[in-house]
Amino acid sequence: MTTLETLKNLVLAPYILKATALISVQREVGGNQFRHCFSTLGILLDYKFYTNSVLLKASLLHDLLEEMPQTQIDEIRWIDSDGVAVVELVLE
């Protein structure tokens, strides 16, 4: 699969929706946690981590469980076939 095909098939929307819970969480350095997580995704894309879908999805949620402990982890696991691996990486 080409890089373009890989990106076309990458489904991030459900992870972005989960990450929007971080919009209300302010960072000490300014901005909010959602913007920080979205920027992390952008950095990974800049460095061409196109084929590591678990890493890209985890980048969006890497602060979610810490900042929002009431998050239902199983909801993330059930998002798609990467969900379990995404949760494992975020917890790591």
C-alpha atoms as a PDB file:
ATOM      1  CA  MET A   1       0.000   0.000   0.000  1.00  0.00           C
ATOM      2  CA  THR A   2       1.355   3.431  -0.918  1.00  0.00           C
ATOM      3  CA  THR A   3       1.726   6.233   1.602  1.00  0.00           C
ATOM      4  CA  LEU A   4      -1.246   8.036   0.073  1.00  0.00           C
ATOM      5  CA  GLU A   5      -3.421   4.912   0.318  1.00  0.00           C
ATOM      6  CA  THR A   6      -2.315   4.406   3.932  1.00  0.00           C
ATOM      7  CA  LEU A   7      -3.347   7.956   4.827  1.00  0.00           C
ATOM      8  CA  LYS A   8      -6.652   7.630   2.958  1.00  0.00           C
ATOM      9  CA  ASN A   9      -7.518   4.542   4.993  1.00  0.00           C
ATOM     10  CA  LEU A  10      -6.478   5.987   8.362  1.00  0.00           C
ATOM     11  CA  VAL A  11      -9.539   6.557  10.536  1.00  0.00           C
ATOM     12  CA  LEU A  12      -8.847   9.168  13.229  1.00  0.00           C
ATOM     13  CA  ALA A  13     -12.254  10.795  13.689  1.00  0.00           C
ATOM     14  CA  PRO A  14     -13.429   8.634  16.634  1.00  0.00           C
ATOM     15  CA  TYR A  15     -10.147   9.279  18.429  1.00  0.00           C
ATOM     16  CA  ILE A  16     -10.383  13.011  17.765  1.00  0.00           C
ATOM     17  CA  LEU A  17     -13.903  12.996  19.203  1.00  0.00           C
ATOM     18  CA  LYS A  18     -12.642  11.274  22.367  1.00  0.00           C
ATOM     19  CA  ALA A  19      -9.801  13.796  22.625  1.00  0.00           C
ATOM     20  CA  THR A  20     -12.187  16.761  22.491  1.00  0.00           C
ATOM     21  CA  ALA A  21     -12.894  16.097  26.187  1.00  0.00           C
ATOM     22  CA  LEU A  22      -9.474  17.696  26.744  1.00  0.00           C
ATOM     23  CA  ILE A  23     -10.540  21.073  25.321  1.00  0.00           C
ATOM     24  CA  SER A  24     -11.614  22.179  28.787  1.00  0.00           C
ATOM     25  CA  VAL A  25      -8.295  21.187  30.389  1.00  0.00           C
ATOM     26  CA  GLN A  26      -5.848  24.090  30.448  1.00  0.00           C
ATOM     27  CA  ARG A  27      -2.092  23.562  30.208  1.00  0.00           C
ATOM     28  CA  GLU A  28       0.249  25.443  32.528  1.00  0.00           C
ATOM     29  CA  VAL A  29       2.237  26.631  29.502  1.00  0.00           C
ATOM     30  CA  GLY A  30      -0.897  27.958  27.816  1.00  0.00           C
ATOM     31  CA  GLY A  31      -3.467  26.512  25.503  1.00  0.00           C
ATOM     32  CA  ASN A  32      -5.393  23.371  26.241  1.00  0.00           C
ATOM     33  CA  GLN A  33      -4.645  19.675  26.319  1.00  0.00           C
ATOM     34  CA  PHE A  34      -6.623  18.974  23.152  1.00  0.00           C
ATOM     35  CA  ARG A  35      -4.503  21.388  21.143  1.00  0.00           C
ATOM     36  CA  HIS A  36      -1.370  19.797  22.619  1.00  0.00           C
ATOM     37  CA  CYS A  37      -2.502  16.283  21.646  1.00  0.00           C
ATOM     38  CA  PHE A  38      -3.491  17.405  18.163  1.00  0.00           C
ATOM     39  CA  SER A  39      -0.089  19.082  17.779  1.00  0.00           C
ATOM     40  CA  THR A  40       1.571  15.816  18.792  1.00  0.00           C
ATOM     41  CA  LEU A  41      -0.305  14.083  15.966  1.00  0.00           C
ATOM     42  CA  GLY A  42       0.905  16.795  13.585  1.00  0.00           C
ATOM     43  CA  ILE A  43       4.534  16.294  14.635  1.00  0.00           C
ATOM     44  CA  LEU A  44       4.289  12.540  14.021  1.00  0.00           C
ATOM     45  CA  LEU A  45       2.828  13.190  10.572  1.00  0.00           C
ATOM     46  CA  ASP A  46       5.602  15.709   9.851  1.00  0.00           C
ATOM     47  CA  TYR A  47       8.124  12.948  10.645  1.00  0.00           C
ATOM     48  CA  LYS A  48       6.251  10.588   8.296  1.00  0.00           C
ATOM     49  CA  PHE A  49       4.933   8.061  10.819  1.00  0.00           C
ATOM     50  CA  TYR A  50       2.123   7.361   8.329  1.00  0.00           C
ATOM     51  CA  THR A  51       2.062   3.596   8.709  1.00  0.00           C
ATOM     52  CA  ASN A  52       1.947   3.396  12.515  1.00  0.00           C
ATOM     53  CA  SER A  53      -1.770   3.858  13.045  1.00  0.00           C
ATOM     54  CA  VAL A  54      -1.601   2.844  16.724  1.00  0.00           C
ATOM     55  CA  LEU A  55       0.995   5.515  17.473  1.00  0.00           C
ATOM     56  CA  LEU A  56      -0.975   8.180  15.599  1.00  0.00           C
ATOM     57  CA  LYS A  57      -4.206   7.323  17.416  1.00  0.00           C
ATOM     58  CA  ALA A  58      -2.463   7.129  20.795  1.00  0.00           C
ATOM     59  CA  SER A  59      -0.947  10.570  20.208  1.00  0.00           C
ATOM     60  CA  LEU A  60      -4.461  12.014  20.277  1.00  0.00           C
ATOM     61  CA  LEU A  61      -5.301  10.322  23.574  1.00  0.00           C
ATOM     62  CA  HIS A  62      -1.940  10.273  25.355  1.00  0.00           C
ATOM     63  CA  ASP A  63      -3.116  12.671  28.098  1.00  0.00           C
ATOM     64  CA  LEU A  64      -6.791  11.700  28.193  1.00  0.00           C
ATOM     65  CA  LEU A  65      -6.664   9.010  30.890  1.00  0.00           C
ATOM     66  CA  GLU A  66      -4.403  11.101  33.120  1.00  0.00           C
ATOM     67  CA  GLU A  67      -6.401  14.316  32.788  1.00  0.00           C
ATOM     68  CA  MET A  68      -9.870  12.727  32.639  1.00  0.00           C
ATOM     69  CA  PRO A  69      -9.725   9.660  34.936  1.00  0.00           C
ATOM     70  CA  GLN A  70     -13.460   9.116  34.534  1.00  0.00           C
ATOM     71  CA  THR A  71     -12.864   8.117  30.891  1.00  0.00           C
ATOM     72  CA  GLN A  72     -14.269   4.690  30.092  1.00  0.00           C
ATOM     73  CA  ILE A  73     -11.226   2.795  28.808  1.00  0.00           C
ATOM     74  CA  ASP A  74     -13.377   0.083  27.245  1.00  0.00           C
ATOM     75  CA  GLU A  75     -14.992   2.673  24.953  1.00  0.00           C
ATOM     76  CA  ILE A  76     -11.545   3.318  23.482  1.00  0.00           C
ATOM     77  CA  ARG A  77     -10.817  -0.409  23.158  1.00  0.00           C
ATOM     78  CA  TRP A  78     -14.022  -0.841  21.129  1.00  0.00           C
ATOM     79  CA  ILE A  79     -13.455   2.044  18.689  1.00  0.00           C
ATOM     80  CA  ASP A  80     -11.766  -0.116  16.059  1.00  0.00           C
ATOM     81  CA  SER A  81      -9.297  -2.962  15.583  1.00  0.00           C
ATOM     82  CA  ASP A  82      -6.447  -0.768  16.907  1.00  0.00           C
ATOM     83  CA  GLY A  83      -8.321   0.192  20.081  1.00  0.00           C
ATOM     84  CA  VAL A  84      -6.760  -2.387  22.415  1.00  0.00           C
ATOM     85  CA  ALA A  85      -3.232  -1.567  21.231  1.00  0.00           C
ATOM     86  CA  VAL A  86      -3.936   2.182  21.505  1.00  0.00           C
ATOM     87  CA  VAL A  87      -5.031   1.764  25.140  1.00  0.00           C
ATOM     88  CA  GLU A  88      -1.948  -0.348  25.899  1.00  0.00           C
ATOM     89  CA  LEU A  89       0.339   2.313  24.428  1.00  0.00           C
ATOM     90  CA  VAL A  90      -1.397   5.165  26.240  1.00  0.00           C
ATOM     91  CA  LEU A  91      -1.183   3.279  29.554  1.00  0.00           C
ATOM     92  CA  GLU A  92       2.494   2.538  28.947  1.00  0.00           C
END
